[in-house]
C-alpha atoms as a PDB file:
ATOM      1  CA  UNK A   1      75.662  93.007 133.637  1.00  0.00           C
ATOM      2  CA  UNK A   2      73.596  94.746 131.079  1.00  0.00           C
ATOM      3  CA  UNK A   3      72.818  93.047 127.608  1.00  0.00           C
ATOM      4  CA  UNK A   4      74.779  95.605 125.689  1.00  0.00           C
ATOM      5  CA  UNK A   5      77.713  94.865 128.098  1.00  0.00           C
ATOM      6  CA  UNK A   6      77.532  91.235 127.337  1.00  0.00           C
ATOM      7  CA  UNK A   7      77.640  91.882 123.455  1.00  0.00           C
ATOM      8  CA  UNK A   8      80.693  94.263 123.916  1.00  0.00           C
ATOM      9  CA  UNK A   9      82.500  91.672 126.033  1.00  0.00           C
ATOM     10  CA  UNK A  10      81.847  88.930 123.582  1.00  0.00           C
ATOM     11  CA  UNK A  11      82.858  91.022 120.646  1.00  0.00           C
ATOM     12  CA  UNK A  12      86.138  92.045 122.384  1.00  0.00           C
ATOM     13  CA  UNK A  13      86.758  88.374 123.098  1.00  0.00           C
ATOM     14  CA  UNK A  14      86.165  87.462 119.695  1.00  0.00           C
ATOM     15  CA  UNK A  15      88.458  90.113 118.344  1.00  0.00           C
ATOM     16  CA  UNK A  16      91.228  89.028 120.651  1.00  0.00           C
ATOM     17  CA  UNK A  17      91.082  85.270 119.306  1.00  0.00           C
ATOM     18  CA  UNK A  18      91.329  86.555 115.713  1.00  0.00           C
ATOM     19  CA  UNK A  19      94.285  88.743 116.704  1.00  0.00           C
ATOM     20  CA  UNK A  20      95.768  85.653 117.988  1.00  0.00           C
ATOM     21  CA  UNK A  21      95.043  83.443 115.154  1.00  0.00           C
ATOM     22  CA  UNK A  22      96.321  86.017 112.673  1.00  0.00           C
ATOM     23  CA  UNK A  23      99.473  86.548 114.910  1.00  0.00           C
ATOM     24  CA  UNK A  24     100.175  82.717 114.915  1.00  0.00           C
ATOM     25  CA  UNK A  25      99.608  82.241 111.031  1.00  0.00           C
ATOM     26  CA  UNK A  26     101.568  85.302 109.771  1.00  0.00           C
ATOM     27  CA  UNK A  27     104.684  84.272 112.096  1.00  0.00           C
ATOM     28  CA  UNK A  28     106.194  82.162 109.606  1.00  0.00           C
ATOM     29  CA  UNK A  29     105.471  84.313 106.264  1.00  0.00           C
ATOM     30  CA  UNK A  30     108.026  86.981 105.069  1.00  0.00           C
ATOM     31  CA  UNK A  31     106.867  90.500 105.579  1.00  0.00           C
ATOM     32  CA  UNK A  32     105.335  92.343 102.743  1.00  0.00           C
ATOM     33  CA  UNK A  33     105.657  96.228 102.663  1.00  0.00           C
ATOM     34  CA  UNK A  34     103.034  98.834 101.288  1.00  0.00           C
ATOM     35  CA  UNK A  35     104.088 100.394  98.048  1.00  0.00           C
ATOM     36  CA  UNK A  36     103.949 104.299  97.900  1.00  0.00           C
ATOM     37  CA  UNK A  37     100.491 104.151  95.859  1.00  0.00           C
ATOM     38  CA  UNK A  38      99.033 101.666  98.459  1.00  0.00           C
ATOM     39  CA  UNK A  39     100.098 103.747 101.352  1.00  0.00           C
ATOM     40  CA  UNK A  40      98.627 107.080  99.859  1.00  0.00           C
ATOM     41  CA  UNK A  41      95.341 105.106  98.955  1.00  0.00           C
ATOM     42  CA  UNK A  42      95.172 103.945 102.748  1.00  0.00           C
ATOM     43  CA  UNK A  43      95.819 107.695 103.729  1.00  0.00           C
ATOM     44  CA  UNK A  44      92.962 108.852 101.452  1.00  0.00           C
ATOM     45  CA  UNK A  45      90.396 106.131 102.910  1.00  0.00           C
ATOM     46  CA  UNK A  46      91.496 107.165 106.447  1.00  0.00           C
ATOM     47  CA  UNK A  47      91.000 110.868 105.772  1.00  0.00           C
ATOM     48  CA  UNK A  48      87.680 110.231 104.079  1.00  0.00           C
ATOM     49  CA  UNK A  49      86.562 108.423 107.438  1.00  0.00           C
ATOM     50  CA  UNK A  50      87.748 111.221 109.557  1.00  0.00           C
ATOM     51  CA  UNK A  51      86.066 113.835 107.364  1.00  0.00           C
ATOM     52  CA  UNK A  52      82.694 111.743 107.254  1.00  0.00           C
ATOM     53  CA  UNK A  53      80.601 114.445 108.581  1.00  0.00           C
ATOM     54  CA  UNK A  54      80.909 116.425 105.362  1.00  0.00           C
ATOM     55  CA  UNK A  55      79.495 113.742 102.975  1.00  0.00           C
ATOM     56  CA  UNK A  56      80.824 115.203  99.790  1.00  0.00           C
ATOM     57  CA  UNK A  57      84.269 115.478 101.170  1.00  0.00           C
ATOM     58  CA  UNK A  58      84.438 112.217 103.011  1.00  0.00           C
ATOM     59  CA  UNK A  59      83.088 110.200  99.934  1.00  0.00           C
ATOM     60  CA  UNK A  60      85.164 111.871  97.521  1.00  0.00           C
ATOM     61  CA  UNK A  61      88.332 111.128  99.669  1.00  0.00           C
ATOM     62  CA  UNK A  62      87.184 107.403 100.025  1.00  0.00           C
ATOM     63  CA  UNK A  63      86.535 107.168  96.272  1.00  0.00           C
ATOM     64  CA  UNK A  64      89.821 108.540  95.426  1.00  0.00           C
ATOM     65  CA  UNK A  65      91.561 105.989  97.936  1.00  0.00           C
ATOM     66  CA  UNK A  66      89.740 103.010  96.436  1.00  0.00           C
ATOM     67  CA  UNK A  67      90.659 104.237  92.892  1.00  0.00           C
ATOM     68  CA  UNK A  68      94.299 104.351  93.747  1.00  0.00           C
ATOM     69  CA  UNK A  69      94.115 100.866  95.514  1.00  0.00           C
ATOM     70  CA  UNK A  70      92.522  99.516  92.326  1.00  0.00           C
ATOM     71  CA  UNK A  71      95.448 101.029  90.304  1.00  0.00           C
ATOM     72  CA  UNK A  72      98.009  99.688  92.568  1.00  0.00           C
ATOM     73  CA  UNK A  73      96.393  96.164  92.192  1.00  0.00           C
ATOM     74  CA  UNK A  74      96.351  96.348  88.549  1.00  0.00           C
ATOM     75  CA  UNK A  75      99.939  97.498  88.455  1.00  0.00           C
ATOM     76  CA  UNK A  76     101.257  94.771  90.806  1.00  0.00           C
ATOM     77  CA  UNK A  77      99.225  92.064  88.674  1.00  0.00           C
ATOM     78  CA  UNK A  78     100.811  93.374  85.509  1.00  0.00           C
ATOM     79  CA  UNK A  79     104.415  93.118  87.000  1.00  0.00           C
ATOM     80  CA  UNK A  80     103.709  89.341  88.150  1.00  0.00           C
ATOM     81  CA  UNK A  81     102.397  88.588  84.596  1.00  0.00           C
ATOM     82  CA  UNK A  82     105.900  90.026  83.284  1.00  0.00           C
ATOM     83  CA  UNK A  83     108.205  87.964  85.315  1.00  0.00           C
ATOM     84  CA  UNK A  84     109.899  85.103  83.730  1.00  0.00           C
ATOM     85  CA  UNK A  85     109.263  81.523  84.508  1.00  0.00           C
ATOM     86  CA  UNK A  86     106.497  82.040  86.855  1.00  0.00           C
ATOM     87  CA  UNK A  87     108.708  83.563  89.651  1.00  0.00           C
ATOM     88  CA  UNK A  88     106.985  86.375  91.463  1.00  0.00           C
ATOM     89  CA  UNK A  89     108.611  89.518  93.145  1.00  0.00           C
END
């Protein structure tokens, strides 16, 4: 085997181990869904990666996605602060 093939094999094994650990840890937690703003931010970031050859368009889309994600985080943190007696939604 070539050295690059060994690195790829090690990376695949490490990713598989991480996936198994995440699967086992998250099994007992309740599922959290993306909100509409977070989904839109994710779509913008993926579109920015896809259109990465055109740097202005790619970076603009990624920047818009990051900005939407930050807005979503701020809105969710304000909702948590407003809930009475420390219960979170």
